[in-house]
Protein backbone atom coordinates (compact mmCIF):
# COMPACT_ATOMS: atom_id res chain seq x y z
CA THR A 1 -7.02 34.12 17.67
CA ASP A 2 -8.09 36.63 15.04
CA ALA A 3 -11.71 35.42 15.16
CA GLU A 4 -11.91 36.46 18.80
CA ARG A 5 -11.07 40.08 17.93
CA TYR A 6 -14.12 40.75 15.76
CA PRO A 7 -16.57 41.30 18.65
CA LEU A 8 -14.15 43.76 20.25
CA ALA A 9 -13.61 45.53 16.93
CA ARG A 10 -17.37 45.83 16.42
CA ARG A 11 -17.80 47.26 19.91
CA HIS A 12 -15.19 49.96 19.23
CA LEU A 13 -16.62 50.71 15.81
CA ARG A 14 -20.17 51.00 17.18
CA ALA A 15 -18.87 53.51 19.73
CA ALA A 16 -17.20 55.46 16.92
CA ALA A 17 -20.41 55.32 14.85
CA ALA A 18 -22.37 56.69 17.79
CA LEU A 19 -19.95 59.61 18.13
CA GLU A 20 -19.95 60.37 14.40
CA PRO A 21 -23.07 58.84 12.80
CA GLY A 22 -22.40 60.47 9.43
CA CYS A 23 -19.07 58.71 8.86
CA ALA A 24 -19.41 56.32 5.93
CA ARG A 25 -15.99 54.79 6.52
CA THR A 26 -16.94 53.67 10.04
CA ALA A 27 -20.17 52.13 8.73
CA TYR A 28 -18.19 50.33 6.02
CA ARG A 29 -15.69 48.99 8.53
CA LEU A 30 -18.52 47.77 10.75
CA GLY A 31 -19.89 45.89 7.76
CA LEU A 32 -16.47 44.35 7.18
CA ALA A 33 -16.24 43.32 10.83
CA HIS A 34 -19.52 41.43 10.46
CA GLU A 35 -18.69 40.00 7.03
CA ARG A 36 -15.21 38.73 7.84
CA ASP A 37 -16.08 37.23 11.22
CA PRO A 38 -16.64 33.46 10.86
CA HIS A 39 -19.52 33.86 13.33
CA GLY A 40 -20.68 37.21 11.93
CA CYS A 41 -24.09 38.15 10.60
CA ASP A 42 -24.52 38.76 6.87
CA ARG A 43 -27.73 40.75 7.43
CA ARG A 44 -25.96 43.15 9.77
CA ALA A 45 -23.06 43.45 7.33
CA ALA A 46 -25.51 44.33 4.55
CA ALA A 47 -27.22 46.91 6.80
CA TRP A 48 -23.93 48.64 7.63
CA PHE A 49 -22.76 48.53 4.01
CA GLY A 50 -26.14 49.99 3.01
CA LYS A 51 -25.65 52.85 5.46
CA ALA A 52 -22.19 53.51 4.04
CA VAL A 53 -23.65 53.63 0.52
CA ALA A 54 -26.41 55.98 1.67
CA LEU A 55 -23.80 58.32 3.13
CA GLU A 56 -21.45 58.13 0.11
CA PRO A 57 -23.41 56.88 -2.90
CA GLY A 58 -20.56 57.40 -5.34
CA ASN A 59 -18.07 55.18 -3.49
CA ALA A 60 -17.57 52.05 -5.60
CA PRO A 61 -16.02 49.81 -2.89
CA TYR A 62 -18.95 50.56 -0.57
CA ARG A 63 -21.44 49.75 -3.33
CA ALA A 64 -19.60 46.53 -4.21
CA ALA A 65 -19.54 45.42 -0.58
CA PHE A 66 -23.25 46.14 -0.23
CA GLY A 67 -24.02 44.13 -3.36
CA ARG A 68 -21.85 41.25 -2.15
CA ALA A 69 -23.54 41.18 1.26
CA ALA A 70 -27.04 41.53 -0.17
CA VAL A 71 -26.64 38.37 -2.25
């Protein structure tokens, strides 16, 4: 099922984040992988969204996602 793919997606995205730690898009996608997973962690989603915002502060979708996860 789709829910079973989130852990694998997070593993691949973490590897990508390790290779390119300054990539805001990867951090954002990691946040989405946590947020959309029925068994995901909202705190981790907020942390990844926060990193994306720190890397690209002017990006409105990243800021909105961070605000959504922080609530």
